[in-house]
Amino acid sequence: MLDLNGRTLLCAGNKITEKHLTIFRTWGVSEVTIESSDPCADDQEPELLPQNIAPELLQRLENELESYFQFATADHAVTRELRHYLIMKRARAALQAR
């Protein structure tokens, strides 16, 4: 990642730390696009839900999220991925709370 003058702010392959975020804010960086060097990155399988999740819990979580996505295009890749992520996150939280 380079600034407008060509100065390196972050080298490829480095993990972004809090120090990097501070530097980015200092130099006025408000957003970045991260590109994968893995040609198969877009074709990766989505992370699976925990195996011990009850079907009733899964249905309840899906119902809870329905209102969040009522105006979204259901078959859009981003919508599907976000919905899947939220269900996974809530499922894990519910299982840990037991």
N, C-alpha and C. Protein backbone atom coordinates (compact mmCIF):
# COMPACT_ATOMS: atom_id res chain seq x y z
N MET A 1 0.85 -1.15 0.00
CA MET A 1 0.00 0.00 0.00
C MET A 1 0.90 1.22 0.00
N LEU A 2 0.64 2.10 -0.93
CA LEU A 2 1.46 3.31 -1.07
C LEU A 2 0.60 4.55 -0.84
N ASP A 3 1.24 5.61 -0.34
CA ASP A 3 0.52 6.87 -0.25
C ASP A 3 0.63 7.59 -1.59
N LEU A 4 0.08 8.79 -1.67
CA LEU A 4 0.07 9.53 -2.94
C LEU A 4 1.46 9.87 -3.45
N ASN A 5 2.44 9.90 -2.56
CA ASN A 5 3.82 10.21 -2.95
C ASN A 5 4.64 8.96 -3.23
N GLY A 6 4.01 7.79 -3.18
CA GLY A 6 4.71 6.55 -3.45
C GLY A 6 5.40 5.93 -2.25
N ARG A 7 5.20 6.53 -1.08
CA ARG A 7 5.79 6.00 0.15
C ARG A 7 5.01 4.76 0.60
N THR A 8 5.73 3.72 0.99
CA THR A 8 5.10 2.47 1.41
C THR A 8 4.48 2.63 2.79
N LEU A 9 3.19 2.36 2.88
CA LEU A 9 2.49 2.37 4.16
C LEU A 9 2.31 0.95 4.70
N LEU A 10 2.21 -0.02 3.79
CA LEU A 10 2.06 -1.41 4.18
C LEU A 10 2.52 -2.29 3.03
N CYS A 11 3.39 -3.23 3.34
CA CYS A 11 3.89 -4.16 2.31
C CYS A 11 2.92 -5.32 2.13
N ALA A 12 2.90 -5.86 0.93
CA ALA A 12 2.04 -7.01 0.63
C ALA A 12 2.37 -8.17 1.56
N GLY A 13 1.35 -8.85 2.02
CA GLY A 13 1.54 -10.02 2.88
C GLY A 13 1.58 -9.71 4.36
N ASN A 14 1.70 -8.45 4.74
CA ASN A 14 1.74 -8.09 6.16
C ASN A 14 0.34 -8.10 6.75
N LYS A 15 0.26 -8.42 8.03
CA LYS A 15 -1.00 -8.33 8.75
C LYS A 15 -1.21 -6.88 9.16
N ILE A 16 -2.44 -6.43 9.09
CA ILE A 16 -2.77 -5.06 9.49
C ILE A 16 -2.91 -5.02 11.00
N THR A 17 -2.13 -4.14 11.63
CA THR A 17 -2.16 -3.99 13.09
C THR A 17 -2.79 -2.65 13.44
N GLU A 18 -2.96 -2.44 14.73
CA GLU A 18 -3.50 -1.16 15.20
C GLU A 18 -2.58 -0.01 14.80
N LYS A 19 -1.27 -0.26 14.82
CA LYS A 19 -0.29 0.76 14.41
C LYS A 19 -0.53 1.16 12.96
N HIS A 20 -0.78 0.17 12.09
CA HIS A 20 -1.06 0.47 10.69
C HIS A 20 -2.31 1.34 10.56
N LEU A 21 -3.35 0.99 11.32
CA LEU A 21 -4.60 1.77 11.25
C LEU A 21 -4.36 3.22 11.66
N THR A 22 -3.53 3.42 12.68
CA THR A 22 -3.19 4.78 13.10
C THR A 22 -2.47 5.52 11.98
N ILE A 23 -1.51 4.85 11.34
CA ILE A 23 -0.78 5.46 10.23
C ILE A 23 -1.73 5.79 9.08
N PHE A 24 -2.64 4.86 8.77
CA PHE A 24 -3.59 5.10 7.68
C PHE A 24 -4.44 6.33 7.97
N ARG A 25 -4.93 6.44 9.20
CA ARG A 25 -5.75 7.61 9.56
C ARG A 25 -4.93 8.89 9.46
N THR A 26 -3.67 8.84 9.91
CA THR A 26 -2.79 10.01 9.84
C THR A 26 -2.62 10.49 8.40
N TRP A 27 -2.51 9.55 7.47
CA TRP A 27 -2.31 9.90 6.06
C TRP A 27 -3.62 10.05 5.30
N GLY A 28 -4.74 10.02 6.02
CA GLY A 28 -6.03 10.28 5.37
C GLY A 28 -6.60 9.10 4.60
N VAL A 29 -6.12 7.90 4.90
CA VAL A 29 -6.66 6.72 4.23
C VAL A 29 -7.97 6.35 4.91
N SER A 30 -9.06 6.41 4.16
CA SER A 30 -10.36 6.09 4.73
C SER A 30 -10.87 4.71 4.33
N GLU A 31 -10.33 4.17 3.24
CA GLU A 31 -10.72 2.82 2.83
C GLU A 31 -9.65 2.24 1.93
N VAL A 32 -9.61 0.92 1.87
CA VAL A 32 -8.67 0.22 0.99
C VAL A 32 -9.39 -0.95 0.34
N THR A 33 -8.87 -1.37 -0.77
CA THR A 33 -9.34 -2.58 -1.43
C THR A 33 -8.26 -3.63 -1.27
N ILE A 34 -8.64 -4.77 -0.74
CA ILE A 34 -7.69 -5.84 -0.52
C ILE A 34 -7.86 -6.88 -1.62
N GLU A 35 -6.78 -7.15 -2.31
CA GLU A 35 -6.81 -8.13 -3.38
C GLU A 35 -6.08 -9.39 -2.93
N SER A 36 -6.65 -10.51 -3.26
CA SER A 36 -6.03 -11.79 -2.90
C SER A 36 -5.08 -12.22 -4.00
N SER A 37 -3.96 -12.78 -3.59
CA SER A 37 -3.03 -13.34 -4.57
C SER A 37 -3.40 -14.78 -4.91
N ASP A 38 -4.39 -15.31 -4.21
CA ASP A 38 -4.86 -16.67 -4.44
C ASP A 38 -5.92 -16.65 -5.54
N PRO A 39 -5.65 -17.26 -6.70
CA PRO A 39 -6.61 -17.22 -7.80
C PRO A 39 -7.91 -17.95 -7.49
N CYS A 40 -7.92 -18.79 -6.47
CA CYS A 40 -9.13 -19.53 -6.12
C CYS A 40 -9.87 -18.90 -4.96
N ALA A 41 -9.44 -17.74 -4.49
CA ALA A 41 -10.01 -17.14 -3.28
C ALA A 41 -11.51 -16.91 -3.41
N ASP A 42 -11.99 -16.50 -4.57
CA ASP A 42 -13.41 -16.25 -4.74
C ASP A 42 -14.22 -17.53 -4.82
N ASP A 43 -13.56 -18.65 -5.06
CA ASP A 43 -14.25 -19.92 -5.20
C ASP A 43 -14.21 -20.76 -3.93
N GLN A 44 -13.74 -20.18 -2.83
CA GLN A 44 -13.62 -20.95 -1.60
C GLN A 44 -15.00 -21.31 -1.07
N GLU A 45 -15.06 -22.46 -0.44
CA GLU A 45 -16.30 -22.92 0.17
C GLU A 45 -16.61 -22.05 1.38
N PRO A 46 -17.88 -21.72 1.61
CA PRO A 46 -18.23 -20.96 2.80
C PRO A 46 -17.98 -21.79 4.05
N GLU A 47 -17.70 -21.11 5.14
CA GLU A 47 -17.46 -21.80 6.40
C GLU A 47 -18.75 -22.49 6.83
N LEU A 48 -18.62 -23.69 7.36
CA LEU A 48 -19.79 -24.47 7.72
C LEU A 48 -20.30 -24.10 9.10
N LEU A 49 -21.59 -24.29 9.28
CA LEU A 49 -22.20 -24.08 10.58
C LEU A 49 -21.73 -25.16 11.54
N PRO A 50 -21.75 -24.87 12.84
CA PRO A 50 -21.38 -25.91 13.81
C PRO A 50 -22.26 -27.14 13.62
N GLN A 51 -21.67 -28.32 13.75
CA GLN A 51 -22.40 -29.57 13.50
C GLN A 51 -23.46 -29.85 14.56
N ASN A 52 -23.24 -29.36 15.77
CA ASN A 52 -24.17 -29.67 16.85
C ASN A 52 -25.30 -28.66 17.00
N ILE A 53 -25.56 -27.88 15.97
CA ILE A 53 -26.64 -26.90 16.04
C ILE A 53 -27.98 -27.58 15.76
N ALA A 54 -28.94 -27.33 16.61
CA ALA A 54 -30.26 -27.93 16.45
C ALA A 54 -30.99 -27.25 15.29
N PRO A 55 -31.74 -28.02 14.52
CA PRO A 55 -32.49 -27.43 13.40
C PRO A 55 -33.45 -26.33 13.85
N GLU A 56 -34.01 -26.49 15.06
CA GLU A 56 -34.94 -25.48 15.58
C GLU A 56 -34.21 -24.15 15.83
N LEU A 57 -32.99 -24.24 16.36
CA LEU A 57 -32.20 -23.03 16.60
C LEU A 57 -31.83 -22.37 15.28
N LEU A 58 -31.43 -23.16 14.32
CA LEU A 58 -31.09 -22.61 13.01
C LEU A 58 -32.28 -21.90 12.39
N GLN A 59 -33.46 -22.51 12.47
CA GLN A 59 -34.67 -21.88 11.92
C GLN A 59 -34.98 -20.58 12.65
N ARG A 60 -34.83 -20.59 13.98
CA ARG A 60 -35.09 -19.37 14.76
C ARG A 60 -34.14 -18.25 14.35
N LEU A 61 -32.86 -18.58 14.17
CA LEU A 61 -31.88 -17.58 13.76
C LEU A 61 -32.20 -17.03 12.38
N GLU A 62 -32.58 -17.89 11.46
CA GLU A 62 -32.95 -17.44 10.12
C GLU A 62 -34.16 -16.52 10.17
N ASN A 63 -35.14 -16.86 11.00
CA ASN A 63 -36.34 -16.02 11.15
C ASN A 63 -35.99 -14.65 11.74
N GLU A 64 -35.08 -14.65 12.73
CA GLU A 64 -34.67 -13.38 13.35
C GLU A 64 -34.01 -12.45 12.34
N LEU A 65 -33.28 -13.01 11.40
CA LEU A 65 -32.57 -12.19 10.41
C LEU A 65 -33.44 -11.78 9.23
N GLU A 66 -34.60 -12.36 9.10
CA GLU A 66 -35.46 -12.11 7.94
C GLU A 66 -35.73 -10.61 7.74
N SER A 67 -36.04 -9.90 8.81
CA SER A 67 -36.37 -8.48 8.67
C SER A 67 -35.16 -7.65 8.24
N TYR A 68 -33.96 -8.11 8.57
CA TYR A 68 -32.75 -7.39 8.18
C TYR A 68 -32.54 -7.42 6.67
N PHE A 69 -33.03 -8.47 6.04
CA PHE A 69 -32.78 -8.68 4.62
C PHE A 69 -34.04 -8.57 3.76
N GLN A 70 -35.11 -8.00 4.31
CA GLN A 70 -36.37 -7.99 3.59
C GLN A 70 -36.31 -7.19 2.29
N PHE A 71 -35.44 -6.20 2.20
CA PHE A 71 -35.35 -5.39 0.98
C PHE A 71 -34.11 -5.73 0.15
N ALA A 72 -33.36 -6.71 0.58
CA ALA A 72 -32.14 -7.11 -0.14
C ALA A 72 -32.48 -8.16 -1.20
N THR A 73 -31.65 -8.21 -2.22
CA THR A 73 -31.80 -9.23 -3.25
C THR A 73 -31.26 -10.54 -2.70
N ALA A 74 -32.15 -11.50 -2.49
CA ALA A 74 -31.79 -12.74 -1.80
C ALA A 74 -30.74 -13.56 -2.53
N ASP A 75 -30.71 -13.49 -3.86
CA ASP A 75 -29.77 -14.33 -4.59
C ASP A 75 -28.45 -13.61 -4.91
N HIS A 76 -28.27 -12.41 -4.37
CA HIS A 76 -27.02 -11.68 -4.58
C HIS A 76 -25.93 -12.30 -3.70
N ALA A 77 -24.73 -12.46 -4.24
CA ALA A 77 -23.64 -13.14 -3.53
C ALA A 77 -23.30 -12.47 -2.20
N VAL A 78 -23.30 -11.15 -2.17
CA VAL A 78 -22.96 -10.44 -0.92
C VAL A 78 -24.05 -10.67 0.12
N THR A 79 -25.29 -10.62 -0.30
CA THR A 79 -26.40 -10.86 0.62
C THR A 79 -26.32 -12.26 1.20
N ARG A 80 -26.10 -13.24 0.35
CA ARG A 80 -25.99 -14.63 0.82
C ARG A 80 -24.84 -14.78 1.80
N GLU A 81 -23.68 -14.20 1.48
CA GLU A 81 -22.51 -14.34 2.34
C GLU A 81 -22.73 -13.64 3.68
N LEU A 82 -23.30 -12.45 3.67
CA LEU A 82 -23.56 -11.72 4.91
C LEU A 82 -24.56 -12.47 5.78
N ARG A 83 -25.61 -12.96 5.17
CA ARG A 83 -26.62 -13.72 5.91
C ARG A 83 -25.98 -14.97 6.54
N HIS A 84 -25.18 -15.68 5.75
CA HIS A 84 -24.51 -16.89 6.24
C HIS A 84 -23.58 -16.54 7.41
N TYR A 85 -22.82 -15.46 7.27
CA TYR A 85 -21.90 -15.03 8.33
C TYR A 85 -22.66 -14.73 9.62
N LEU A 86 -23.77 -13.99 9.51
CA LEU A 86 -24.53 -13.62 10.70
C LEU A 86 -25.15 -14.84 11.37
N ILE A 87 -25.64 -15.77 10.58
CA ILE A 87 -26.21 -16.98 11.16
C ILE A 87 -25.12 -17.77 11.88
N MET A 88 -23.94 -17.91 11.26
CA MET A 88 -22.83 -18.61 11.91
C MET A 88 -22.45 -17.94 13.23
N LYS A 89 -22.32 -16.64 13.19
CA LYS A 89 -21.91 -15.89 14.39
C LYS A 89 -22.93 -16.07 15.51
N ARG A 90 -24.20 -15.94 15.18
CA ARG A 90 -25.24 -16.09 16.20
C ARG A 90 -25.35 -17.53 16.68
N ALA A 91 -25.15 -18.48 15.79
CA ALA A 91 -25.21 -19.89 16.18
C ALA A 91 -24.09 -20.21 17.16
N ARG A 92 -22.90 -19.75 16.87
CA ARG A 92 -21.77 -20.00 17.78
C ARG A 92 -22.01 -19.34 19.14
N ALA A 93 -22.53 -18.12 19.12
CA ALA A 93 -22.81 -17.42 20.38
C ALA A 93 -23.87 -18.18 21.18
N ALA A 94 -24.88 -18.68 20.51
CA ALA A 94 -25.94 -19.43 21.20
C ALA A 94 -25.39 -20.73 21.78
N LEU A 95 -24.51 -21.40 21.05
CA LEU A 95 -23.93 -22.65 21.54
C LEU A 95 -22.98 -22.41 22.71
N GLN A 96 -22.26 -21.30 22.69
CA GLN A 96 -21.34 -20.98 23.79
C GLN A 96 -22.09 -20.58 25.05
N ALA A 97 -23.29 -20.01 24.88
CA ALA A 97 -24.08 -19.56 26.01
C ALA A 97 -24.69 -20.73 26.78
N ARG A 98 -24.69 -21.89 26.17
CA ARG A 98 -25.28 -23.08 26.83
C ARG A 98 -24.42 -23.57 27.95
